[in-house]
Amino acid sequence: MGKETNFEENMKQLEQIAKELETGDLDLDTSVKKFEEGMKISKECSDILEKAEKKITMLINDNGELKEENFVQEEE
């Protein structure tokens, strides 16, 4: 995945993987690979949501007016 995907694209990919796994038509190796791919995409979705949540919490109430502060991503 060279380009960064957005949340909606990731969710569509997860739905497709879930459908493929539910059919039971895949062999074991393919099922495991699909599951691993799904877990990776799930983590990406979680990271996207976490970043969005942090950005939202950066909105502060300043004398009745909302103002946005710059969010600096902390590297783990």
PDB file of N, CA and C in Angstrom:
ATOM      1  N   MET A   1       0.841  -1.192   0.000  1.00  0.00           N
ATOM      2  CA  MET A   1       0.000   0.000   0.000  1.00  0.00           C
ATOM      3  C   MET A   1       0.880   1.247   0.000  1.00  0.00           C
ATOM      4  N   GLY A   2       1.165   1.764  -1.168  1.00  0.00           N
ATOM      5  CA  GLY A   2       2.035   2.916  -1.258  1.00  0.00           C
ATOM      6  C   GLY A   2       1.402   4.185  -0.738  1.00  0.00           C
ATOM      7  N   LYS A   3       0.141   4.399  -1.081  1.00  0.00           N
ATOM      8  CA  LYS A   3      -0.498   5.627  -0.642  1.00  0.00           C
ATOM      9  C   LYS A   3      -1.289   5.385   0.644  1.00  0.00           C
ATOM     10  N   GLU A   4      -1.460   6.455   1.399  1.00  0.00           N
ATOM     11  CA  GLU A   4      -2.228   6.341   2.634  1.00  0.00           C
ATOM     12  C   GLU A   4      -3.708   6.232   2.295  1.00  0.00           C
ATOM     13  N   THR A   5      -4.356   5.222   2.834  1.00  0.00           N
ATOM     14  CA  THR A   5      -5.783   5.046   2.564  1.00  0.00           C
ATOM     15  C   THR A   5      -6.591   5.714   3.664  1.00  0.00           C
ATOM     16  N   ASN A   6      -7.823   6.046   3.348  1.00  0.00           N
ATOM     17  CA  ASN A   6      -8.660   6.680   4.355  1.00  0.00           C
ATOM     18  C   ASN A   6      -9.520   5.642   5.061  1.00  0.00           C
ATOM     19  N   PHE A   7     -10.202   6.071   6.084  1.00  0.00           N
ATOM     20  CA  PHE A   7     -10.990   5.186   6.921  1.00  0.00           C
ATOM     21  C   PHE A   7     -12.044   4.438   6.115  1.00  0.00           C
ATOM     22  N   GLU A   8     -12.759   5.152   5.261  1.00  0.00           N
ATOM     23  CA  GLU A   8     -13.837   4.534   4.489  1.00  0.00           C
ATOM     24  C   GLU A   8     -13.308   3.456   3.550  1.00  0.00           C
ATOM     25  N   GLU A   9     -12.167   3.725   2.898  1.00  0.00           N
ATOM     26  CA  GLU A   9     -11.580   2.719   2.008  1.00  0.00           C
ATOM     27  C   GLU A   9     -11.174   1.483   2.801  1.00  0.00           C
ATOM     28  N   ASN A  10     -10.591   1.705   3.987  1.00  0.00           N
ATOM     29  CA  ASN A  10     -10.193   0.585   4.832  1.00  0.00           C
ATOM     30  C   ASN A  10     -11.401  -0.242   5.250  1.00  0.00           C
ATOM     31  N   MET A  11     -12.492   0.417   5.606  1.00  0.00           N
ATOM     32  CA  MET A  11     -13.686  -0.310   6.028  1.00  0.00           C
ATOM     33  C   MET A  11     -14.251  -1.157   4.885  1.00  0.00           C
ATOM     34  N   LYS A  12     -14.218  -0.627   3.663  1.00  0.00           N
ATOM     35  CA  LYS A  12     -14.689  -1.395   2.502  1.00  0.00           C
ATOM     36  C   LYS A  12     -13.818  -2.637   2.305  1.00  0.00           C
ATOM     37  N   GLN A  13     -12.499  -2.468   2.474  1.00  0.00           N
ATOM     38  CA  GLN A  13     -11.592  -3.615   2.338  1.00  0.00           C
ATOM     39  C   GLN A  13     -11.886  -4.655   3.420  1.00  0.00           C
ATOM     40  N   LEU A  14     -12.117  -4.203   4.648  1.00  0.00           N
ATOM     41  CA  LEU A  14     -12.432  -5.130   5.740  1.00  0.00           C
ATOM     42  C   LEU A  14     -13.720  -5.894   5.466  1.00  0.00           C
ATOM     43  N   GLU A  15     -14.732  -5.197   4.958  1.00  0.00           N
ATOM     44  CA  GLU A  15     -15.996  -5.862   4.622  1.00  0.00           C
ATOM     45  C   GLU A  15     -15.786  -6.927   3.554  1.00  0.00           C
ATOM     46  N   GLN A  16     -14.978  -6.619   2.553  1.00  0.00           N
ATOM     47  CA  GLN A  16     -14.708  -7.573   1.483  1.00  0.00           C
ATOM     48  C   GLN A  16     -13.979  -8.807   2.030  1.00  0.00           C
ATOM     49  N   ILE A  17     -12.975  -8.576   2.892  1.00  0.00           N
ATOM     50  CA  ILE A  17     -12.241  -9.689   3.484  1.00  0.00           C
ATOM     51  C   ILE A  17     -13.177 -10.543   4.327  1.00  0.00           C
ATOM     52  N   ALA A  18     -14.036  -9.907   5.112  1.00  0.00           N
ATOM     53  CA  ALA A  18     -14.984 -10.649   5.957  1.00  0.00           C
ATOM     54  C   ALA A  18     -15.900 -11.518   5.094  1.00  0.00           C
ATOM     55  N   LYS A  19     -16.385 -10.972   3.977  1.00  0.00           N
ATOM     56  CA  LYS A  19     -17.248 -11.749   3.085  1.00  0.00           C
ATOM     57  C   LYS A  19     -16.514 -12.955   2.527  1.00  0.00           C
ATOM     58  N   GLU A  20     -15.253 -12.735   2.120  1.00  0.00           N
ATOM     59  CA  GLU A  20     -14.470 -13.834   1.556  1.00  0.00           C
ATOM     60  C   GLU A  20     -14.234 -14.923   2.601  1.00  0.00           C
ATOM     61  N   LEU A  21     -13.950 -14.521   3.836  1.00  0.00           N
ATOM     62  CA  LEU A  21     -13.715 -15.499   4.896  1.00  0.00           C
ATOM     63  C   LEU A  21     -14.996 -16.235   5.272  1.00  0.00           C
ATOM     64  N   GLU A  22     -16.129 -15.540   5.226  1.00  0.00           N
ATOM     65  CA  GLU A  22     -17.407 -16.149   5.596  1.00  0.00           C
ATOM     66  C   GLU A  22     -17.866 -17.212   4.611  1.00  0.00           C
ATOM     67  N   THR A  23     -17.478 -17.091   3.354  1.00  0.00           N
ATOM     68  CA  THR A  23     -17.924 -18.063   2.353  1.00  0.00           C
ATOM     69  C   THR A  23     -17.349 -19.442   2.614  1.00  0.00           C
ATOM     70  N   GLY A  24     -16.159 -19.473   3.228  1.00  0.00           N
ATOM     71  CA  GLY A  24     -15.523 -20.757   3.496  1.00  0.00           C
ATOM     72  C   GLY A  24     -14.927 -21.403   2.265  1.00  0.00           C
ATOM     73  N   ASP A  25     -14.863 -20.675   1.155  1.00  0.00           N
ATOM     74  CA  ASP A  25     -14.342 -21.230  -0.095  1.00  0.00           C
ATOM     75  C   ASP A  25     -12.813 -21.151  -0.191  1.00  0.00           C
ATOM     76  N   LEU A  26     -12.174 -20.476   0.760  1.00  0.00           N
ATOM     77  CA  LEU A  26     -10.729 -20.278   0.696  1.00  0.00           C
ATOM     78  C   LEU A  26     -10.004 -21.438   1.379  1.00  0.00           C
ATOM     79  N   ASP A  27      -8.798 -21.765   0.852  1.00  0.00           N
ATOM     80  CA  ASP A  27      -8.005 -22.781   1.540  1.00  0.00           C
ATOM     81  C   ASP A  27      -7.399 -22.159   2.798  1.00  0.00           C
ATOM     82  N   LEU A  28      -6.808 -22.979   3.643  1.00  0.00           N
ATOM     83  CA  LEU A  28      -6.321 -22.522   4.938  1.00  0.00           C
ATOM     84  C   LEU A  28      -5.277 -21.420   4.804  1.00  0.00           C
ATOM     85  N   ASP A  29      -4.295 -21.606   3.911  1.00  0.00           N
ATOM     86  CA  ASP A  29      -3.244 -20.597   3.751  1.00  0.00           C
ATOM     87  C   ASP A  29      -3.814 -19.250   3.327  1.00  0.00           C
ATOM     88  N   THR A  30      -4.737 -19.283   2.370  1.00  0.00           N
ATOM     89  CA  THR A  30      -5.354 -18.047   1.896  1.00  0.00           C
ATOM     90  C   THR A  30      -6.190 -17.411   3.002  1.00  0.00           C
ATOM     91  N   SER A  31      -6.903 -18.218   3.757  1.00  0.00           N
ATOM     92  CA  SER A  31      -7.709 -17.701   4.867  1.00  0.00           C
ATOM     93  C   SER A  31      -6.833 -16.999   5.898  1.00  0.00           C
ATOM     94  N   VAL A  32      -5.691 -17.622   6.233  1.00  0.00           N
ATOM     95  CA  VAL A  32      -4.773 -17.028   7.208  1.00  0.00           C
ATOM     96  C   VAL A  32      -4.230 -15.704   6.673  1.00  0.00           C
ATOM     97  N   LYS A  33      -3.859 -15.676   5.394  1.00  0.00           N
ATOM     98  CA  LYS A  33      -3.345 -14.435   4.800  1.00  0.00           C
ATOM     99  C   LYS A  33      -4.409 -13.344   4.809  1.00  0.00           C
ATOM    100  N   LYS A  34      -5.639 -13.704   4.481  1.00  0.00           N
ATOM    101  CA  LYS A  34      -6.736 -12.727   4.493  1.00  0.00           C
ATOM    102  C   LYS A  34      -6.975 -12.207   5.904  1.00  0.00           C
ATOM    103  N   PHE A  35      -6.923 -13.124   6.889  1.00  0.00           N
ATOM    104  CA  PHE A  35      -7.123 -12.728   8.275  1.00  0.00           C
ATOM    105  C   PHE A  35      -6.024 -11.753   8.713  1.00  0.00           C
ATOM    106  N   GLU A  36      -4.760 -12.070   8.370  1.00  0.00           N
ATOM    107  CA  GLU A  36      -3.643 -11.185   8.714  1.00  0.00           C
ATOM    108  C   GLU A  36      -3.813  -9.818   8.053  1.00  0.00           C
ATOM    109  N   GLU A  37      -4.234  -9.812   6.792  1.00  0.00           N
ATOM    110  CA  GLU A  37      -4.473  -8.554   6.080  1.00  0.00           C
ATOM    111  C   GLU A  37      -5.576  -7.752   6.774  1.00  0.00           C
ATOM    112  N   GLY A  38      -6.644  -8.459   7.176  1.00  0.00           N
ATOM    113  CA  GLY A  38      -7.739  -7.806   7.880  1.00  0.00           C
ATOM    114  C   GLY A  38      -7.296  -7.200   9.201  1.00  0.00           C
ATOM    115  N   MET A  39      -6.441  -7.902   9.928  1.00  0.00           N
ATOM    116  CA  MET A  39      -5.945  -7.386  11.203  1.00  0.00           C
ATOM    117  C   MET A  39      -5.090  -6.135  10.986  1.00  0.00           C
ATOM    118  N   LYS A  40      -4.289  -6.132   9.938  1.00  0.00           N
ATOM    119  CA  LYS A  40      -3.458  -4.963   9.630  1.00  0.00           C
ATOM    120  C   LYS A  40      -4.349  -3.759   9.298  1.00  0.00           C
ATOM    121  N   ILE A  41      -5.359  -3.987   8.472  1.00  0.00           N
ATOM    122  CA  ILE A  41      -6.281  -2.905   8.094  1.00  0.00           C
ATOM    123  C   ILE A  41      -7.043  -2.417   9.325  1.00  0.00           C
ATOM    124  N   SER A  42      -7.434  -3.345  10.187  1.00  0.00           N
ATOM    125  CA  SER A  42      -8.140  -2.983  11.412  1.00  0.00           C
ATOM    126  C   SER A  42      -7.283  -2.064  12.282  1.00  0.00           C
ATOM    127  N   LYS A  43      -5.987  -2.366  12.378  1.00  0.00           N
ATOM    128  CA  LYS A  43      -5.075  -1.516  13.161  1.00  0.00           C
ATOM    129  C   LYS A  43      -4.965  -0.135  12.524  1.00  0.00           C
ATOM    130  N   GLU A  44      -4.902  -0.083  11.191  1.00  0.00           N
ATOM    131  CA  GLU A  44      -4.848   1.208  10.497  1.00  0.00           C
ATOM    132  C   GLU A  44      -6.104   2.026  10.815  1.00  0.00           C
ATOM    133  N   CYS A  45      -7.270   1.377  10.809  1.00  0.00           N
ATOM    134  CA  CYS A  45      -8.520   2.068  11.147  1.00  0.00           C
ATOM    135  C   CYS A  45      -8.469   2.602  12.572  1.00  0.00           C
ATOM    136  N   SER A  46      -7.968   1.784  13.472  1.00  0.00           N
ATOM    137  CA  SER A  46      -7.850   2.185  14.871  1.00  0.00           C
ATOM    138  C   SER A  46      -6.929   3.398  15.001  1.00  0.00           C
ATOM    139  N   ASP A  47      -5.815   3.380  14.265  1.00  0.00           N
ATOM    140  CA  ASP A  47      -4.874   4.510  14.301  1.00  0.00           C
ATOM    141  C   ASP A  47      -5.517   5.775  13.747  1.00  0.00           C
ATOM    142  N   ILE A  48      -6.276   5.637  12.659  1.00  0.00           N
ATOM    143  CA  ILE A  48      -6.959   6.794  12.062  1.00  0.00           C
ATOM    144  C   ILE A  48      -7.937   7.391  13.065  1.00  0.00           C
ATOM    145  N   LEU A  49      -8.716   6.517  13.724  1.00  0.00           N
ATOM    146  CA  LEU A  49      -9.684   7.000  14.717  1.00  0.00           C
ATOM    147  C   LEU A  49      -8.995   7.663  15.903  1.00  0.00           C
ATOM    148  N   GLU A  50      -7.864   7.094  16.329  1.00  0.00           N
ATOM    149  CA  GLU A  50      -7.129   7.667  17.456  1.00  0.00           C
ATOM    150  C   GLU A  50      -6.608   9.064  17.112  1.00  0.00           C
ATOM    151  N   LYS A  51      -6.073   9.216  15.899  1.00  0.00           N
ATOM    152  CA  LYS A  51      -5.590  10.534  15.468  1.00  0.00           C
ATOM    153  C   LYS A  51      -6.735  11.535  15.418  1.00  0.00           C
ATOM    154  N   ALA A  52      -7.896  11.097  14.898  1.00  0.00           N
ATOM    155  CA  ALA A  52      -9.057  11.983  14.821  1.00  0.00           C
ATOM    156  C   ALA A  52      -9.510  12.391  16.220  1.00  0.00           C
ATOM    157  N   GLU A  53      -9.515  11.423  17.138  1.00  0.00           N
ATOM    158  CA  GLU A  53      -9.927  11.715  18.510  1.00  0.00           C
ATOM    159  C   GLU A  53      -8.979  12.722  19.159  1.00  0.00           C
ATOM    160  N   LYS A  54      -7.684  12.549  18.943  1.00  0.00           N
ATOM    161  CA  LYS A  54      -6.706  13.491  19.504  1.00  0.00           C
ATOM    162  C   LYS A  54      -6.912  14.882  18.928  1.00  0.00           C
ATOM    163  N   LYS A  55      -7.185  14.943  17.628  1.00  0.00           N
ATOM    164  CA  LYS A  55      -7.388  16.249  16.994  1.00  0.00           C
ATOM    165  C   LYS A  55      -8.639  16.926  17.555  1.00  0.00           C
ATOM    166  N   ILE A  56      -9.695  16.142  17.759  1.00  0.00           N
ATOM    167  CA  ILE A  56     -10.937  16.700  18.314  1.00  0.00           C
ATOM    168  C   ILE A  56     -10.696  17.235  19.719  1.00  0.00           C
ATOM    169  N   THR A  57      -9.912  16.486  20.517  1.00  0.00           N
ATOM    170  CA  THR A  57      -9.670  16.943  21.883  1.00  0.00           C
ATOM    171  C   THR A  57      -8.791  18.183  21.915  1.00  0.00           C
ATOM    172  N   MET A  58      -8.130  18.485  20.803  1.00  0.00           N
ATOM    173  CA  MET A  58      -7.314  19.698  20.734  1.00  0.00           C
ATOM    174  C   MET A  58      -8.186  20.951  20.586  1.00  0.00           C
ATOM    175  N   LEU A  59      -9.448  20.743  20.207  1.00  0.00           N
ATOM    176  CA  LEU A  59     -10.372  21.873  20.141  1.00  0.00           C
ATOM    177  C   LEU A  59     -10.707  22.272  21.573  1.00  0.00           C
ATOM    178  N   ILE A  60     -10.401  23.491  21.909  1.00  0.00           N
ATOM    179  CA  ILE A  60     -10.653  23.925  23.284  1.00  0.00           C
ATOM    180  C   ILE A  60     -11.613  25.096  23.301  1.00  0.00           C
ATOM    181  N   ASN A  61     -12.273  25.254  24.420  1.00  0.00           N
ATOM    182  CA  ASN A  61     -13.210  26.352  24.589  1.00  0.00           C
ATOM    183  C   ASN A  61     -12.431  27.562  25.098  1.00  0.00           C
ATOM    184  N   ASP A  62     -12.420  28.644  24.331  1.00  0.00           N
ATOM    185  CA  ASP A  62     -11.675  29.852  24.686  1.00  0.00           C
ATOM    186  C   ASP A  62     -12.663  31.008  24.789  1.00  0.00           C
ATOM    187  N   ASN A  63     -13.111  31.292  26.016  1.00  0.00           N
ATOM    188  CA  ASN A  63     -14.089  32.355  26.257  1.00  0.00           C
ATOM    189  C   ASN A  63     -15.338  32.186  25.395  1.00  0.00           C
ATOM    190  N   GLY A  64     -15.851  30.975  25.342  1.00  0.00           N
ATOM    191  CA  GLY A  64     -17.077  30.706  24.594  1.00  0.00           C
ATOM    192  C   GLY A  64     -16.860  30.467  23.120  1.00  0.00           C
ATOM    193  N   GLU A  65     -15.632  30.625  22.626  1.00  0.00           N
ATOM    194  CA  GLU A  65     -15.338  30.395  21.215  1.00  0.00           C
ATOM    195  C   GLU A  65     -14.450  29.165  21.096  1.00  0.00           C
ATOM    196  N   LEU A  66     -14.756  28.334  20.122  1.00  0.00           N
ATOM    197  CA  LEU A  66     -13.899  27.183  19.871  1.00  0.00           C
ATOM    198  C   LEU A  66     -12.713  27.623  19.040  1.00  0.00           C
ATOM    199  N   LYS A  67     -11.538  27.185  19.437  1.00  0.00           N
ATOM    200  CA  LYS A  67     -10.361  27.461  18.610  1.00  0.00           C
ATOM    201  C   LYS A  67      -9.570  26.185  18.489  1.00  0.00           C
ATOM    202  N   GLU A  68      -8.937  26.004  17.360  1.00  0.00           N
ATOM    203  CA  GLU A  68      -8.178  24.786  17.120  1.00  0.00           C
ATOM    204  C   GLU A  68      -6.707  25.066  17.327  1.00  0.00           C
ATOM    205  N   GLU A  69      -6.056  24.191  18.101  1.00  0.00           N
ATOM    206  CA  GLU A  69      -4.617  24.294  18.278  1.00  0.00           C
ATOM    207  C   GLU A  69      -3.960  23.279  17.353  1.00  0.00           C
ATOM    208  N   ASN A  70      -2.743  23.546  16.947  1.00  0.00           N
ATOM    209  CA  ASN A  70      -2.037  22.601  16.102  1.00  0.00           C
ATOM    210  C   ASN A  70      -1.741  21.334  16.883  1.00  0.00           C
ATOM    211  N   PHE A  71      -1.998  20.202  16.256  1.00  0.00           N
ATOM    212  CA  PHE A  71      -1.766  18.897  16.875  1.00  0.00           C
ATOM    213  C   PHE A  71      -0.419  18.399  16.411  1.00  0.00           C
ATOM    214  N   VAL A  72       0.430  18.048  17.356  1.00  0.00           N
ATOM    215  CA  VAL A  72       1.743  17.493  17.027  1.00  0.00           C
ATOM    216  C   VAL A  72       1.723  16.012  17.363  1.00  0.00           C
ATOM    217  N   GLN A  73       1.908  15.190  16.354  1.00  0.00           N
ATOM    218  CA  GLN A  73       1.899  13.738  16.535  1.00  0.00           C
ATOM    219  C   GLN A  73       3.126  13.323  17.324  1.00  0.00           C
ATOM    220  N   GLU A  74       2.916  12.578  18.397  1.00  0.00           N
ATOM    221  CA  GLU A  74       4.020  12.046  19.176  1.00  0.00           C
ATOM    222  C   GLU A  74       4.402  10.707  18.593  1.00  0.00           C
ATOM    223  N   GLU A  75       5.687  10.555  18.260  1.00  0.00           N
ATOM    224  CA  GLU A  75       6.169   9.289  17.717  1.00  0.00           C
ATOM    225  C   GLU A  75       6.374   8.322  18.856  1.00  0.00           C
ATOM    226  N   GLU A  76       5.927   7.082  18.646  1.00  0.00           N
ATOM    227  CA  GLU A  76       6.058   6.069  19.707  1.00  0.00           C
ATOM    228  C   GLU A  76       7.300   5.254  19.493  1.00  0.00           C
TER     229      GLU A  76
END
